[in-house]
């Protein structure tokens, strides 16, 4: 499937929200994949067709490969301007910062706080790497980011651990994903002790990688059901997966691919299953739950690949 049109996925599944990955940057100019302009006509049409049926998009910067926008904008003002350009061009109020490499966290969090002050209704999420199922987020590129956000007065709406490619000795990968999520909740509580447990859970997002992961683990349909039931019972804020372009069974038994899950499944089986999360929730509803969709060209690969996440 690769990069299916958002409107086509919506028509096939009813899925009404996606996170669009990734905006990168050279010279503080935001570009899809570090290559295509933000207002690239083909990409914008894909987005506008989806927005025309009230679809919601979150734009994600960063990721595993390519030149980070955050590393090419040297000041708070310049990065703030770049973030504002992204939101205004795409016509969305939702931005996600996917941190899988070193960034100037002080500048990033101050810029995001400034965006939220100047642009009413903007939401900010951080997508962060997991170290292990019993530890949670990595210390430097995870927990320290949240601490700096609080220090700089940034209200974080969603903390989204990438529950993929981490170490675990648990027999089922779904159990490992839940364990990592619980560990992340504990870390979040340490950062925001003034918040209630329910408030912390509402801030949590969980994003596994469906099918085969690079570490050899496989996130199955059974794992998805286990995770959805746990997430709904605990009323977490967001549930997503990487990625909609992989949500098909066209390469069962194969290696990790950006265009299929490498397991036997039907087209959009995970998408349809994850949509049951909202129905299963036991308390007040949260926002729609996006999948991650690679919307632009493949990112420019740096000389040293960052992380292991599938594109």
C-alpha atoms as a PDB file:
ATOM      1  CA  UNK A   1       0.000   0.000   0.000  1.00  0.00           C
ATOM      2  CA  UNK A   2       2.831   2.393   0.764  1.00  0.00           C
ATOM      3  CA  UNK A   3       1.159   5.785   1.080  1.00  0.00           C
ATOM      4  CA  UNK A   4      -2.586   5.346   0.500  1.00  0.00           C
ATOM      5  CA  UNK A   5      -4.708   8.441   0.066  1.00  0.00           C
ATOM      6  CA  UNK A   6      -6.253   9.508   3.358  1.00  0.00           C
ATOM      7  CA  UNK A   7      -9.715   9.830   1.851  1.00  0.00           C
ATOM      8  CA  UNK A   8      -9.506   6.267   0.520  1.00  0.00           C
ATOM      9  CA  UNK A   9      -8.651   4.910   3.965  1.00  0.00           C
ATOM     10  CA  UNK A  10     -11.521   6.925   5.432  1.00  0.00           C
ATOM     11  CA  UNK A  11     -13.978   5.510   2.892  1.00  0.00           C
ATOM     12  CA  UNK A  12     -12.757   1.965   3.530  1.00  0.00           C
ATOM     13  CA  UNK A  13     -12.675   2.135   7.331  1.00  0.00           C
ATOM     14  CA  UNK A  14     -14.267   5.305   8.687  1.00  0.00           C
ATOM     15  CA  UNK A  15     -10.918   6.315  10.207  1.00  0.00           C
ATOM     16  CA  UNK A  16     -11.200  10.082  10.683  1.00  0.00           C
ATOM     17  CA  UNK A  17      -7.793  11.127  12.043  1.00  0.00           C
ATOM     18  CA  UNK A  18      -4.185  10.648  11.022  1.00  0.00           C
ATOM     19  CA  UNK A  19      -0.767  11.818  12.119  1.00  0.00           C
ATOM     20  CA  UNK A  20       1.187  12.911   9.046  1.00  0.00           C
ATOM     21  CA  UNK A  21       4.896  12.098   9.102  1.00  0.00           C
ATOM     22  CA  UNK A  22       7.363  13.715   8.785  1.00  0.00           C
ATOM     23  CA  UNK A  23       8.172  17.393   8.350  1.00  0.00           C
ATOM     24  CA  UNK A  24      11.936  17.930   8.336  1.00  0.00           C
ATOM     25  CA  UNK A  25      13.956  21.029   7.554  1.00  0.00           C
ATOM     26  CA  UNK A  26      17.049  22.510   5.974  1.00  0.00           C
ATOM     27  CA  UNK A  27      17.909  26.130   6.678  1.00  0.00           C
ATOM     28  CA  UNK A  28      14.864  26.403   8.952  1.00  0.00           C
ATOM     29  CA  UNK A  29      12.552  25.768   5.996  1.00  0.00           C
ATOM     30  CA  UNK A  30      10.001  23.039   6.799  1.00  0.00           C
ATOM     31  CA  UNK A  31       9.600  20.434   4.064  1.00  0.00           C
ATOM     32  CA  UNK A  32       7.890  17.063   3.829  1.00  0.00           C
ATOM     33  CA  UNK A  33      10.617  14.466   4.176  1.00  0.00           C
ATOM     34  CA  UNK A  34      13.134  17.281   3.897  1.00  0.00           C
ATOM     35  CA  UNK A  35      12.355  17.402   0.157  1.00  0.00           C
ATOM     36  CA  UNK A  36       8.843  18.527  -0.816  1.00  0.00           C
ATOM     37  CA  UNK A  37       7.410  21.952  -0.069  1.00  0.00           C
ATOM     38  CA  UNK A  38       4.769  22.156   2.646  1.00  0.00           C
ATOM     39  CA  UNK A  39       2.262  23.310   0.036  1.00  0.00           C
ATOM     40  CA  UNK A  40       3.174  20.669  -2.540  1.00  0.00           C
ATOM     41  CA  UNK A  41      -0.046  20.462  -4.635  1.00  0.00           C
ATOM     42  CA  UNK A  42      -0.357  16.672  -4.596  1.00  0.00           C
ATOM     43  CA  UNK A  43       0.188  16.426  -0.852  1.00  0.00           C
ATOM     44  CA  UNK A  44      -2.145  19.320  -0.094  1.00  0.00           C
ATOM     45  CA  UNK A  45      -4.892  17.766  -2.224  1.00  0.00           C
ATOM     46  CA  UNK A  46      -4.516  14.522  -0.281  1.00  0.00           C
ATOM     47  CA  UNK A  47      -4.960  16.462   2.964  1.00  0.00           C
ATOM     48  CA  UNK A  48      -7.753  18.776   1.779  1.00  0.00           C
ATOM     49  CA  UNK A  49      -9.838  15.893   0.407  1.00  0.00           C
ATOM     50  CA  UNK A  50      -9.654  14.295   3.839  1.00  0.00           C
ATOM     51  CA  UNK A  51     -10.364  17.524   5.703  1.00  0.00           C
ATOM     52  CA  UNK A  52     -13.435  18.033   3.491  1.00  0.00           C
ATOM     53  CA  UNK A  53     -15.092  15.085   5.275  1.00  0.00           C
ATOM     54  CA  UNK A  54     -14.126  16.562   8.675  1.00  0.00           C
ATOM     55  CA  UNK A  55     -10.962  14.509   8.923  1.00  0.00           C
ATOM     56  CA  UNK A  56      -8.414  15.588  11.532  1.00  0.00           C
ATOM     57  CA  UNK A  57      -4.685  15.691  10.864  1.00  0.00           C
ATOM     58  CA  UNK A  58      -1.763  16.020  13.249  1.00  0.00           C
ATOM     59  CA  UNK A  59       1.524  17.062  11.654  1.00  0.00           C
ATOM     60  CA  UNK A  60       4.622  15.372  13.052  1.00  0.00           C
ATOM     61  CA  UNK A  61       8.157  16.718  12.812  1.00  0.00           C
ATOM     62  CA  UNK A  62      11.337  14.744  13.407  1.00  0.00           C
ATOM     63  CA  UNK A  63      11.323  10.961  13.174  1.00  0.00           C
ATOM     64  CA  UNK A  64      14.040   8.422  12.611  1.00  0.00           C
ATOM     65  CA  UNK A  65      15.796   9.838   9.558  1.00  0.00           C
ATOM     66  CA  UNK A  66      16.728  13.103   7.974  1.00  0.00           C
ATOM     67  CA  UNK A  67      17.595  16.655   9.001  1.00  0.00           C
ATOM     68  CA  UNK A  68      15.472  17.802  11.917  1.00  0.00           C
ATOM     69  CA  UNK A  69      13.731  21.150  11.529  1.00  0.00           C
ATOM     70  CA  UNK A  70      14.481  21.692  15.219  1.00  0.00           C
ATOM     71  CA  UNK A  71      18.218  21.496  14.532  1.00  0.00           C
ATOM     72  CA  UNK A  72      18.097  23.941  11.626  1.00  0.00           C
ATOM     73  CA  UNK A  73      16.228  26.782  13.361  1.00  0.00           C
ATOM     74  CA  UNK A  74      18.734  28.459  15.722  1.00  0.00           C
ATOM     75  CA  UNK A  75      16.424  30.606  17.851  1.00  0.00           C
ATOM     76  CA  UNK A  76      13.089  30.431  19.633  1.00  0.00           C
ATOM     77  CA  UNK A  77      11.631  33.012  17.260  1.00  0.00           C
ATOM     78  CA  UNK A  78      12.776  31.221  14.098  1.00  0.00           C
ATOM     79  CA  UNK A  79      11.518  27.823  15.247  1.00  0.00           C
ATOM     80  CA  UNK A  80       8.241  29.353  16.423  1.00  0.00           C
ATOM     81  CA  UNK A  81       7.774  30.883  12.976  1.00  0.00           C
ATOM     82  CA  UNK A  82       8.478  27.525  11.322  1.00  0.00           C
ATOM     83  CA  UNK A  83       5.967  25.721  13.542  1.00  0.00           C
ATOM     84  CA  UNK A  84       3.352  28.403  12.833  1.00  0.00           C
ATOM     85  CA  UNK A  85       3.960  28.031   9.101  1.00  0.00           C
ATOM     86  CA  UNK A  86       3.363  24.282   9.342  1.00  0.00           C
ATOM     87  CA  UNK A  87       0.089  24.674  11.218  1.00  0.00           C
ATOM     88  CA  UNK A  88      -1.205  27.485   9.021  1.00  0.00           C
ATOM     89  CA  UNK A  89      -0.264  25.813   5.731  1.00  0.00           C
ATOM     90  CA  UNK A  90      -1.812  22.466   6.641  1.00  0.00           C
ATOM     91  CA  UNK A  91      -4.768  24.163   8.372  1.00  0.00           C
ATOM     92  CA  UNK A  92      -4.549  22.151  11.547  1.00  0.00           C
ATOM     93  CA  UNK A  93      -4.254  22.914  15.253  1.00  0.00           C
ATOM     94  CA  UNK A  94      -2.268  19.799  16.116  1.00  0.00           C
ATOM     95  CA  UNK A  95       1.505  19.352  16.067  1.00  0.00           C
ATOM     96  CA  UNK A  96       3.598  16.399  17.220  1.00  0.00           C
ATOM     97  CA  UNK A  97       7.340  16.422  17.850  1.00  0.00           C
ATOM     98  CA  UNK A  98       8.866  12.977  17.273  1.00  0.00           C
ATOM     99  CA  UNK A  99      12.248  12.972  19.002  1.00  0.00           C
ATOM    100  CA  UNK A 100      14.622  10.187  18.022  1.00  0.00           C
ATOM    101  CA  UNK A 101      17.803  12.266  17.894  1.00  0.00           C
ATOM    102  CA  UNK A 102      19.370  15.079  19.877  1.00  0.00           C
ATOM    103  CA  UNK A 103      17.545  18.408  19.596  1.00  0.00           C
ATOM    104  CA  UNK A 104      17.887  21.737  21.461  1.00  0.00           C
ATOM    105  CA  UNK A 105      15.130  20.880  23.922  1.00  0.00           C
ATOM    106  CA  UNK A 106      15.147  24.290  25.597  1.00  0.00           C
ATOM    107  CA  UNK A 107      14.526  26.061  22.281  1.00  0.00           C
ATOM    108  CA  UNK A 108      11.972  23.461  21.168  1.00  0.00           C
ATOM    109  CA  UNK A 109       9.855  23.656  24.310  1.00  0.00           C
ATOM    110  CA  UNK A 110      10.034  27.448  24.529  1.00  0.00           C
ATOM    111  CA  UNK A 111       9.002  27.681  20.870  1.00  0.00           C
ATOM    112  CA  UNK A 112       6.051  25.355  21.367  1.00  0.00           C
ATOM    113  CA  UNK A 113       4.955  27.276  24.457  1.00  0.00           C
ATOM    114  CA  UNK A 114       5.066  30.473  22.395  1.00  0.00           C
ATOM    115  CA  UNK A 115       3.017  28.858  19.619  1.00  0.00           C
ATOM    116  CA  UNK A 116       0.361  27.816  22.124  1.00  0.00           C
ATOM    117  CA  UNK A 117       0.213  31.324  23.572  1.00  0.00           C
ATOM    118  CA  UNK A 118      -0.107  32.955  20.166  1.00  0.00           C
ATOM    119  CA  UNK A 119      -2.313  30.375  18.453  1.00  0.00           C
ATOM    120  CA  UNK A 120      -5.358  29.506  20.514  1.00  0.00           C
ATOM    121  CA  UNK A 121      -6.480  25.898  20.326  1.00  0.00           C
ATOM    122  CA  UNK A 122      -3.109  24.457  19.336  1.00  0.00           C
ATOM    123  CA  UNK A 123      -2.300  21.067  20.847  1.00  0.00           C
ATOM    124  CA  UNK A 124       1.208  19.699  21.334  1.00  0.00           C
ATOM    125  CA  UNK A 125       2.282  16.078  21.643  1.00  0.00           C
ATOM    126  CA  UNK A 126       5.681  14.474  22.044  1.00  0.00           C
ATOM    127  CA  UNK A 127       6.388  11.096  20.475  1.00  0.00           C
ATOM    128  CA  UNK A 128       9.295   9.594  22.405  1.00  0.00           C
ATOM    129  CA  UNK A 129      11.397   6.433  22.421  1.00  0.00           C
ATOM    130  CA  UNK A 130      10.992   3.627  24.945  1.00  0.00           C
ATOM    131  CA  UNK A 131      14.031   2.059  26.624  1.00  0.00           C
ATOM    132  CA  UNK A 132      12.479  -1.116  28.019  1.00  0.00           C
ATOM    133  CA  UNK A 133       9.153  -2.463  29.171  1.00  0.00           C
ATOM    134  CA  UNK A 134      10.032  -2.005  32.849  1.00  0.00           C
ATOM    135  CA  UNK A 135      11.739   1.391  32.471  1.00  0.00           C
ATOM    136  CA  UNK A 136       9.556   3.372  30.084  1.00  0.00           C
ATOM    137  CA  UNK A 137      10.821   6.386  28.157  1.00  0.00           C
ATOM    138  CA  UNK A 138      14.526   6.843  27.571  1.00  0.00           C
ATOM    139  CA  UNK A 139      16.028   9.263  30.101  1.00  0.00           C
ATOM    140  CA  UNK A 140      17.642  11.925  27.874  1.00  0.00           C
ATOM    141  CA  UNK A 141      15.419  11.955  24.783  1.00  0.00           C
ATOM    142  CA  UNK A 142      12.314  11.161  26.808  1.00  0.00           C
ATOM    143  CA  UNK A 143      11.945  12.102  30.450  1.00  0.00           C
ATOM    144  CA  UNK A 144      14.249  15.124  30.248  1.00  0.00           C
ATOM    145  CA  UNK A 145      12.155  16.502  27.380  1.00  0.00           C
ATOM    146  CA  UNK A 146       9.050  16.392  29.560  1.00  0.00           C
ATOM    147  CA  UNK A 147      10.854  18.009  32.474  1.00  0.00           C
ATOM    148  CA  UNK A 148      12.099  20.832  30.260  1.00  0.00           C
ATOM    149  CA  UNK A 149       8.603  21.310  28.841  1.00  0.00           C
ATOM    150  CA  UNK A 150       7.222  21.792  32.325  1.00  0.00           C
ATOM    151  CA  UNK A 151      10.093  24.086  33.305  1.00  0.00           C
ATOM    152  CA  UNK A 152       9.396  26.303  30.291  1.00  0.00           C
ATOM    153  CA  UNK A 153       5.672  26.505  30.884  1.00  0.00           C
ATOM    154  CA  UNK A 154       4.650  24.288  27.975  1.00  0.00           C
ATOM    155  CA  UNK A 155       1.361  22.494  28.502  1.00  0.00           C
ATOM    156  CA  UNK A 156       1.838  19.076  26.923  1.00  0.00           C
ATOM    157  CA  UNK A 157      -1.382  17.544  25.656  1.00  0.00           C
ATOM    158  CA  UNK A 158      -0.170  14.039  24.791  1.00  0.00           C
ATOM    159  CA  UNK A 159       2.925  12.040  25.747  1.00  0.00           C
ATOM    160  CA  UNK A 160       3.158   9.333  23.112  1.00  0.00           C
ATOM    161  CA  UNK A 161       5.693   6.551  23.777  1.00  0.00           C
ATOM    162  CA  UNK A 162       6.770   4.640  20.695  1.00  0.00           C
ATOM    163  CA  UNK A 163       6.072   1.181  22.041  1.00  0.00           C
ATOM    164  CA  UNK A 164       8.293  -0.521  19.488  1.00  0.00           C
ATOM    165  CA  UNK A 165      11.901  -1.651  19.179  1.00  0.00           C
ATOM    166  CA  UNK A 166      12.539  -1.778  22.946  1.00  0.00           C
ATOM    167  CA  UNK A 167      13.932  -4.539  25.137  1.00  0.00           C
ATOM    168  CA  UNK A 168      11.612  -6.984  26.880  1.00  0.00           C
ATOM    169  CA  UNK A 169      11.643 -10.503  28.261  1.00  0.00           C
ATOM    170  CA  UNK A 170       7.855 -10.840  28.463  1.00  0.00           C
ATOM    171  CA  UNK A 171       6.417 -13.741  26.442  1.00  0.00           C
ATOM    172  CA  UNK A 172       3.808 -11.673  24.578  1.00  0.00           C
ATOM    173  CA  UNK A 173       4.659  -8.459  22.768  1.00  0.00           C
ATOM    174  CA  UNK A 174       1.248  -7.016  23.606  1.00  0.00           C
ATOM    175  CA  UNK A 175       2.034  -7.486  27.300  1.00  0.00           C
ATOM    176  CA  UNK A 176       5.386  -5.754  26.786  1.00  0.00           C
ATOM    177  CA  UNK A 177       3.667  -2.787  25.116  1.00  0.00           C
ATOM    178  CA  UNK A 178       1.284  -2.452  28.056  1.00  0.00           C
ATOM    179  CA  UNK A 179       4.128  -2.785  30.564  1.00  0.00           C
ATOM    180  CA  UNK A 180       6.088  -0.027  28.796  1.00  0.00           C
ATOM    181  CA  UNK A 181       2.973   2.140  28.823  1.00  0.00           C
ATOM    182  CA  UNK A 182       2.523   1.631  32.564  1.00  0.00           C
ATOM    183  CA  UNK A 183       6.163   2.524  33.166  1.00  0.00           C
ATOM    184  CA  UNK A 184       5.684   5.691  31.116  1.00  0.00           C
ATOM    185  CA  UNK A 185       2.668   6.631  33.225  1.00  0.00           C
ATOM    186  CA  UNK A 186       4.838   6.384  36.342  1.00  0.00           C
ATOM    187  CA  UNK A 187       7.465   8.637  34.746  1.00  0.00           C
ATOM    188  CA  UNK A 188       4.801  11.165  33.779  1.00  0.00           C
ATOM    189  CA  UNK A 189       3.458  11.194  37.331  1.00  0.00           C
ATOM    190  CA  UNK A 190       6.947  12.060  38.574  1.00  0.00           C
ATOM    191  CA  UNK A 191       7.086  15.003  36.167  1.00  0.00           C
ATOM    192  CA  UNK A 192       3.568  16.212  36.982  1.00  0.00           C
ATOM    193  CA  UNK A 193       2.882  15.088  40.577  1.00  0.00           C
ATOM    194  CA  UNK A 194       0.189  17.760  40.897  1.00  0.00           C
ATOM    195  CA  UNK A 195      -1.999  15.964  38.342  1.00  0.00           C
ATOM    196  CA  UNK A 196      -4.392  13.174  39.291  1.00  0.00           C
ATOM    197  CA  UNK A 197      -3.863   9.646  38.009  1.00  0.00           C
ATOM    198  CA  UNK A 198      -6.851  10.095  35.696  1.00  0.00           C
ATOM    199  CA  UNK A 199      -5.370  13.307  34.287  1.00  0.00           C
ATOM    200  CA  UNK A 200      -2.047  11.580  33.672  1.00  0.00           C
ATOM    201  CA  UNK A 201      -3.744   8.677  31.879  1.00  0.00           C
ATOM    202  CA  UNK A 202      -5.642  11.144  29.680  1.00  0.00           C
ATOM    203  CA  UNK A 203      -2.267  12.602  28.614  1.00  0.00           C
ATOM    204  CA  UNK A 204      -0.907   9.199  27.556  1.00  0.00           C
ATOM    205  CA  UNK A 205      -0.780   8.062  23.963  1.00  0.00           C
ATOM    206  CA  UNK A 206       0.455   4.616  22.931  1.00  0.00           C
ATOM    207  CA  UNK A 207       1.805   3.826  19.462  1.00  0.00           C
ATOM    208  CA  UNK A 208       3.012   0.292  18.656  1.00  0.00           C
ATOM    209  CA  UNK A 209       4.393  -0.820  15.302  1.00  0.00           C
ATOM    210  CA  UNK A 210       2.008  -3.344  13.785  1.00  0.00           C
ATOM    211  CA  UNK A 211       3.301  -6.636  12.481  1.00  0.00           C
ATOM    212  CA  UNK A 212       7.016  -7.328  12.399  1.00  0.00           C
ATOM    213  CA  UNK A 213       9.345  -4.975  14.286  1.00  0.00           C
ATOM    214  CA  UNK A 214      13.056  -4.555  13.621  1.00  0.00           C
ATOM    215  CA  UNK A 215      13.891  -6.278  16.916  1.00  0.00           C
ATOM    216  CA  UNK A 216      12.200  -9.451  15.688  1.00  0.00           C
ATOM    217  CA  UNK A 217       9.083  -9.000  17.815  1.00  0.00           C
ATOM    218  CA  UNK A 218       5.686  -9.241  16.141  1.00  0.00           C
ATOM    219  CA  UNK A 219       2.674  -7.154  17.149  1.00  0.00           C
ATOM    220  CA  UNK A 220      -0.268  -9.369  16.225  1.00  0.00           C
ATOM    221  CA  UNK A 221      -4.012  -8.893  16.003  1.00  0.00           C
ATOM    222  CA  UNK A 222      -4.255 -10.623  19.396  1.00  0.00           C
ATOM    223  CA  UNK A 223      -1.752  -8.138  20.826  1.00  0.00           C
ATOM    224  CA  UNK A 224      -3.842  -5.294  19.424  1.00  0.00           C
ATOM    225  CA  UNK A 225      -6.982  -6.608  21.117  1.00  0.00           C
ATOM    226  CA  UNK A 226      -5.126  -6.923  24.422  1.00  0.00           C
ATOM    227  CA  UNK A 227      -3.794  -3.363  24.150  1.00  0.00           C
ATOM    228  CA  UNK A 228      -7.141  -1.871  23.126  1.00  0.00           C
ATOM    229  CA  UNK A 229      -8.918  -3.465  26.077  1.00  0.00           C
ATOM    230  CA  UNK A 230      -6.283  -2.161  28.505  1.00  0.00           C
ATOM    231  CA  UNK A 231      -6.257   1.313  26.945  1.00  0.00           C
ATOM    232  CA  UNK A 232     -10.042   1.581  27.026  1.00  0.00           C
ATOM    233  CA  UNK A 233     -10.320   0.356  30.614  1.00  0.00           C
ATOM    234  CA  UNK A 234      -7.766   2.968  31.684  1.00  0.00           C
ATOM    235  CA  UNK A 235      -9.204   5.801  29.561  1.00  0.00           C
ATOM    236  CA  UNK A 236      -5.875   6.803  28.057  1.00  0.00           C
ATOM    237  CA  UNK A 237      -5.785   9.844  25.806  1.00  0.00           C
ATOM    238  CA  UNK A 238      -4.741   8.393  22.446  1.00  0.00           C
ATOM    239  CA  UNK A 239      -4.143   5.078  20.739  1.00  0.00           C
ATOM    240  CA  UNK A 240      -2.350   4.876  17.398  1.00  0.00           C
ATOM    241  CA  UNK A 241      -0.034   2.645  15.399  1.00  0.00           C
ATOM    242  CA  UNK A 242       2.779   2.809  12.857  1.00  0.00           C
ATOM    243  CA  UNK A 243       1.615   2.856  10.135  1.00  0.00           C
ATOM    244  CA  UNK A 244      -1.437   2.863   7.881  1.00  0.00           C
ATOM    245  CA  UNK A 245       0.693   2.120   4.823  1.00  0.00           C
ATOM    246  CA  UNK A 246       1.727  -1.157   6.480  1.00  0.00           C
ATOM    247  CA  UNK A 247      -1.824  -2.199   7.410  1.00  0.00           C
ATOM    248  CA  UNK A 248      -2.151  -5.059   4.946  1.00  0.00           C
ATOM    249  CA  UNK A 249      -1.028  -8.663   4.637  1.00  0.00           C
ATOM    250  CA  UNK A 250       0.706  -8.519   1.296  1.00  0.00           C
ATOM    251  CA  UNK A 251       4.063  -9.846   2.516  1.00  0.00           C
ATOM    252  CA  UNK A 252       3.328 -12.512   5.173  1.00  0.00           C
ATOM    253  CA  UNK A 253       6.472 -14.016   6.638  1.00  0.00           C
ATOM    254  CA  UNK A 254       8.717 -11.411   5.075  1.00  0.00           C
ATOM    255  CA  UNK A 255      11.125  -8.963   6.623  1.00  0.00           C
ATOM    256  CA  UNK A 256      10.229  -5.522   7.901  1.00  0.00           C
ATOM    257  CA  UNK A 257       8.687  -3.426   5.153  1.00  0.00           C
ATOM    258  CA  UNK A 258       7.305   0.127   4.946  1.00  0.00           C
ATOM    259  CA  UNK A 259       4.451  -1.090   2.724  1.00  0.00           C
ATOM    260  CA  UNK A 260       3.105  -4.157   4.558  1.00  0.00           C
ATOM    261  CA  UNK A 261       3.012  -5.655   8.054  1.00  0.00           C
ATOM    262  CA  UNK A 262       4.869  -8.898   7.201  1.00  0.00           C
ATOM    263  CA  UNK A 263       2.093 -10.947   8.832  1.00  0.00           C
ATOM    264  CA  UNK A 264      -1.071 -12.585   7.527  1.00  0.00           C
ATOM    265  CA  UNK A 265      -3.940 -10.097   7.859  1.00  0.00           C
ATOM    266  CA  UNK A 266      -6.673  -8.459   5.822  1.00  0.00           C
ATOM    267  CA  UNK A 267      -6.420  -4.944   4.417  1.00  0.00           C
ATOM    268  CA  UNK A 268      -6.855  -2.309   7.156  1.00  0.00           C
ATOM    269  CA  UNK A 269      -7.525  -4.987   9.779  1.00  0.00           C
ATOM    270  CA  UNK A 270      -5.617  -3.064  12.461  1.00  0.00           C
ATOM    271  CA  UNK A 271      -7.294   0.212  11.489  1.00  0.00           C
ATOM    272  CA  UNK A 272     -10.751  -1.272  11.887  1.00  0.00           C
ATOM    273  CA  UNK A 273      -9.774  -2.922  15.165  1.00  0.00           C
ATOM    274  CA  UNK A 274      -8.214   0.218  16.662  1.00  0.00           C
ATOM    275  CA  UNK A 275     -11.400   2.113  15.865  1.00  0.00           C
ATOM    276  CA  UNK A 276     -13.179   0.022  18.510  1.00  0.00           C
ATOM    277  CA  UNK A 277     -11.081   1.756  21.195  1.00  0.00           C
ATOM    278  CA  UNK A 278     -13.426   4.728  21.411  1.00  0.00           C
ATOM    279  CA  UNK A 279     -16.462   2.476  21.713  1.00  0.00           C
ATOM    280  CA  UNK A 280     -14.832   0.502  24.517  1.00  0.00           C
ATOM    281  CA  UNK A 281     -13.800   3.475  26.632  1.00  0.00           C
ATOM    282  CA  UNK A 282     -15.294   3.366  30.105  1.00  0.00           C
ATOM    283  CA  UNK A 283     -15.142   7.087  30.901  1.00  0.00           C
ATOM    284  CA  UNK A 284     -15.250  10.457  29.162  1.00  0.00           C
ATOM    285  CA  UNK A 285     -14.253  10.313  25.497  1.00  0.00           C
ATOM    286  CA  UNK A 286     -10.877  11.551  24.334  1.00  0.00           C
ATOM    287  CA  UNK A 287     -10.023  13.039  20.930  1.00  0.00           C
ATOM    288  CA  UNK A 288     -10.056  10.881  17.810  1.00  0.00           C
ATOM    289  CA  UNK A 289      -7.267   8.357  17.634  1.00  0.00           C
ATOM    290  CA  UNK A 290      -4.908   8.796  14.727  1.00  0.00           C
ATOM    291  CA  UNK A 291      -2.779   6.359  12.863  1.00  0.00           C
ATOM    292  CA  UNK A 292       0.533   7.517  11.538  1.00  0.00           C
ATOM    293  CA  UNK A 293       0.609   8.088   7.785  1.00  0.00           C
ATOM    294  CA  UNK A 294       3.749   8.828   5.822  1.00  0.00           C
ATOM    295  CA  UNK A 295       2.474  11.665   3.659  1.00  0.00           C
ATOM    296  CA  UNK A 296       5.518  13.022   1.855  1.00  0.00           C
ATOM    297  CA  UNK A 297       8.597  11.651   0.120  1.00  0.00           C
ATOM    298  CA  UNK A 298      11.058   9.465   1.923  1.00  0.00           C
ATOM    299  CA  UNK A 299      13.218  11.611   4.227  1.00  0.00           C
ATOM    300  CA  UNK A 300      16.756  12.461   3.263  1.00  0.00           C
ATOM    301  CA  UNK A 301      18.876   9.905   5.089  1.00  0.00           C
ATOM    302  CA  UNK A 302      21.655  11.341   7.169  1.00  0.00           C
ATOM    303  CA  UNK A 303      25.079   9.719   7.169  1.00  0.00           C
ATOM    304  CA  UNK A 304      24.202   8.060  10.451  1.00  0.00           C
ATOM    305  CA  UNK A 305      20.663   6.654  10.549  1.00  0.00           C
ATOM    306  CA  UNK A 306      18.811   7.682  13.685  1.00  0.00           C
ATOM    307  CA  UNK A 307      16.816   4.962  15.401  1.00  0.00           C
ATOM    308  CA  UNK A 308      15.280   1.957  13.701  1.00  0.00           C
ATOM    309  CA  UNK A 309      11.756   2.980  12.921  1.00  0.00           C
ATOM    310  CA  UNK A 310      10.174   1.872   9.684  1.00  0.00           C
ATOM    311  CA  UNK A 311       9.232   4.471   7.115  1.00  0.00           C
END
